[in-house]
Amino acid sequence: MMDVAIRREEEVLILALKGKLIGEPYSAKFTEAVKNAIENKVQKIVLDCEGVDWINSTGISMLLSAREKLQLAHVKMRLSAINKSMEGVFIMSKLDKVFEIHPTTDAAIKSFA
């Protein structure tokens, strides 16, 4: 199961992901949060992955889809605090070249400056 906690720090929307990123129907809250961010004209978003304990190919597709939708809406997106397992998946699949990844959420927020 996946959960999303939503908060703002100044002009940055932070989606703190928790649990397993395994796609629908478990990602409905995430998908809705991305849709709302676009509708509300958010310009900067951080996906805080500290609470993610598992990701599969469907979860990766979910992140890629969100990235595409956000890019089309001119929203800048960063990932933060991915664990070693997730980092390994991202490196093997070359997604570390696709996503801008930061070690902490604070570092991701500061990267927008």
Protein backbone atom coordinates (compact mmCIF):
# COMPACT_ATOMS: atom_id res chain seq x y z
CA MET A 1 0.00 0.00 0.00
CA MET A 2 1.15 3.52 -0.73
CA ASP A 3 0.39 6.77 1.04
CA VAL A 4 1.15 10.38 0.15
CA ALA A 5 1.54 13.21 2.64
CA ILE A 6 1.28 16.63 1.04
CA ARG A 7 2.87 19.78 2.40
CA ARG A 8 4.28 23.09 1.17
CA GLU A 9 7.55 24.76 1.95
CA GLU A 10 7.35 28.26 0.57
CA GLU A 11 6.70 27.85 -3.16
CA VAL A 12 7.59 24.14 -3.30
CA LEU A 13 4.99 21.39 -3.07
CA ILE A 14 6.36 18.29 -1.35
CA LEU A 15 4.76 14.90 -1.86
CA ALA A 16 6.14 12.55 0.79
CA LEU A 17 5.67 9.04 -0.56
CA LYS A 18 5.39 6.13 1.84
CA GLY A 19 5.11 2.41 1.30
CA LYS A 20 5.29 0.43 -1.91
CA LEU A 21 5.32 2.14 -5.31
CA ILE A 22 3.56 -0.58 -7.25
CA GLY A 23 1.11 1.40 -9.38
CA GLU A 24 -2.67 1.43 -9.54
CA PRO A 25 -4.91 1.11 -7.66
CA TYR A 26 -2.49 1.89 -4.83
CA SER A 27 -1.16 5.05 -6.45
CA ALA A 28 -4.50 6.82 -6.87
CA LYS A 29 -3.68 9.38 -4.16
CA PHE A 30 -0.34 10.14 -5.86
CA THR A 31 -1.95 10.48 -9.28
CA GLU A 32 -4.59 12.81 -7.83
CA ALA A 33 -1.92 14.92 -6.07
CA VAL A 34 -0.01 15.36 -9.34
CA LYS A 35 -3.21 16.29 -11.18
CA ASN A 36 -4.10 18.83 -8.46
CA ALA A 37 -0.60 20.32 -8.56
CA ILE A 38 -0.96 20.93 -12.30
CA GLU A 39 -4.47 22.35 -11.93
CA ASN A 40 -3.29 24.67 -9.15
CA LYS A 41 -0.37 25.84 -11.28
CA VAL A 42 2.33 24.63 -8.89
CA GLN A 43 5.73 25.40 -10.41
CA LYS A 44 8.03 23.30 -8.22
CA ILE A 45 7.50 19.85 -6.76
CA VAL A 46 9.64 17.44 -4.76
CA LEU A 47 8.83 13.76 -4.48
CA ASP A 48 10.25 12.79 -1.09
CA CYS A 49 10.99 9.07 -1.36
CA GLU A 50 12.39 8.53 2.12
CA GLY A 51 9.37 6.44 3.11
CA VAL A 52 9.41 4.26 -0.02
CA ASP A 53 10.37 0.71 0.84
CA TRP A 54 9.70 -0.96 -2.52
CA ILE A 55 9.35 -0.03 -6.18
CA ASN A 56 8.53 -2.21 -9.16
CA SER A 57 8.33 -1.55 -12.90
CA THR A 58 4.76 -0.27 -12.59
CA GLY A 59 5.91 2.17 -9.89
CA ILE A 60 8.70 3.37 -12.17
CA SER A 61 6.16 3.86 -14.96
CA MET A 62 4.02 5.86 -12.53
CA LEU A 63 6.97 8.19 -11.77
CA LEU A 64 7.82 8.55 -15.48
CA SER A 65 4.19 9.37 -16.29
CA ALA A 66 4.08 11.98 -13.53
CA ARG A 67 7.35 13.47 -14.80
CA GLU A 68 5.95 13.73 -18.33
CA LYS A 69 2.70 15.36 -17.20
CA LEU A 70 4.55 17.81 -14.97
CA GLN A 71 7.03 18.70 -17.72
CA LEU A 72 4.20 19.40 -20.15
CA ALA A 73 2.73 21.76 -17.54
CA HIS A 74 6.16 23.42 -17.06
CA VAL A 75 6.47 22.14 -13.49
CA LYS A 76 9.99 21.47 -12.22
CA MET A 77 10.27 18.15 -10.39
CA ARG A 78 12.95 16.67 -8.14
CA LEU A 79 13.25 13.36 -6.31
CA SER A 80 14.77 13.20 -2.85
CA ALA A 81 15.96 10.69 -0.28
CA ILE A 82 15.76 7.53 -2.39
CA ASN A 83 17.02 4.44 -0.57
CA LYS A 84 19.91 2.23 -1.74
CA SER A 85 17.61 -0.34 -3.31
CA MET A 86 15.72 2.29 -5.28
CA GLU A 87 19.00 3.96 -6.23
CA GLY A 88 20.27 0.63 -7.63
CA VAL A 89 17.14 0.26 -9.78
CA PHE A 90 17.50 3.84 -11.02
CA ILE A 91 21.18 3.40 -11.90
CA MET A 92 20.66 0.04 -13.67
CA SER A 93 17.80 1.44 -15.72
CA LYS A 94 19.60 4.76 -16.31
CA LEU A 95 16.76 6.65 -14.66
CA ASP A 96 19.34 8.52 -12.59
CA LYS A 97 19.97 10.38 -15.87
CA VAL A 98 16.25 11.10 -16.34
CA PHE A 99 15.33 12.30 -12.86
CA GLU A 100 17.11 14.96 -10.85
CA ILE A 101 17.78 13.19 -7.55
CA HIS A 102 18.96 14.79 -4.30
CA PRO A 103 20.06 13.13 -1.06
CA THR A 104 17.60 15.09 1.10
CA THR A 105 14.38 17.00 0.64
CA ASP A 106 16.09 20.19 1.84
CA ALA A 107 18.77 19.77 -0.85
CA ALA A 108 16.06 19.23 -3.47
CA ILE A 109 14.25 22.39 -2.37
CA LYS A 110 17.46 24.42 -2.47
CA SER A 111 18.22 23.12 -5.98
CA PHE A 112 15.36 25.21 -7.36
CA ALA A 113 17.17 28.46 -6.47
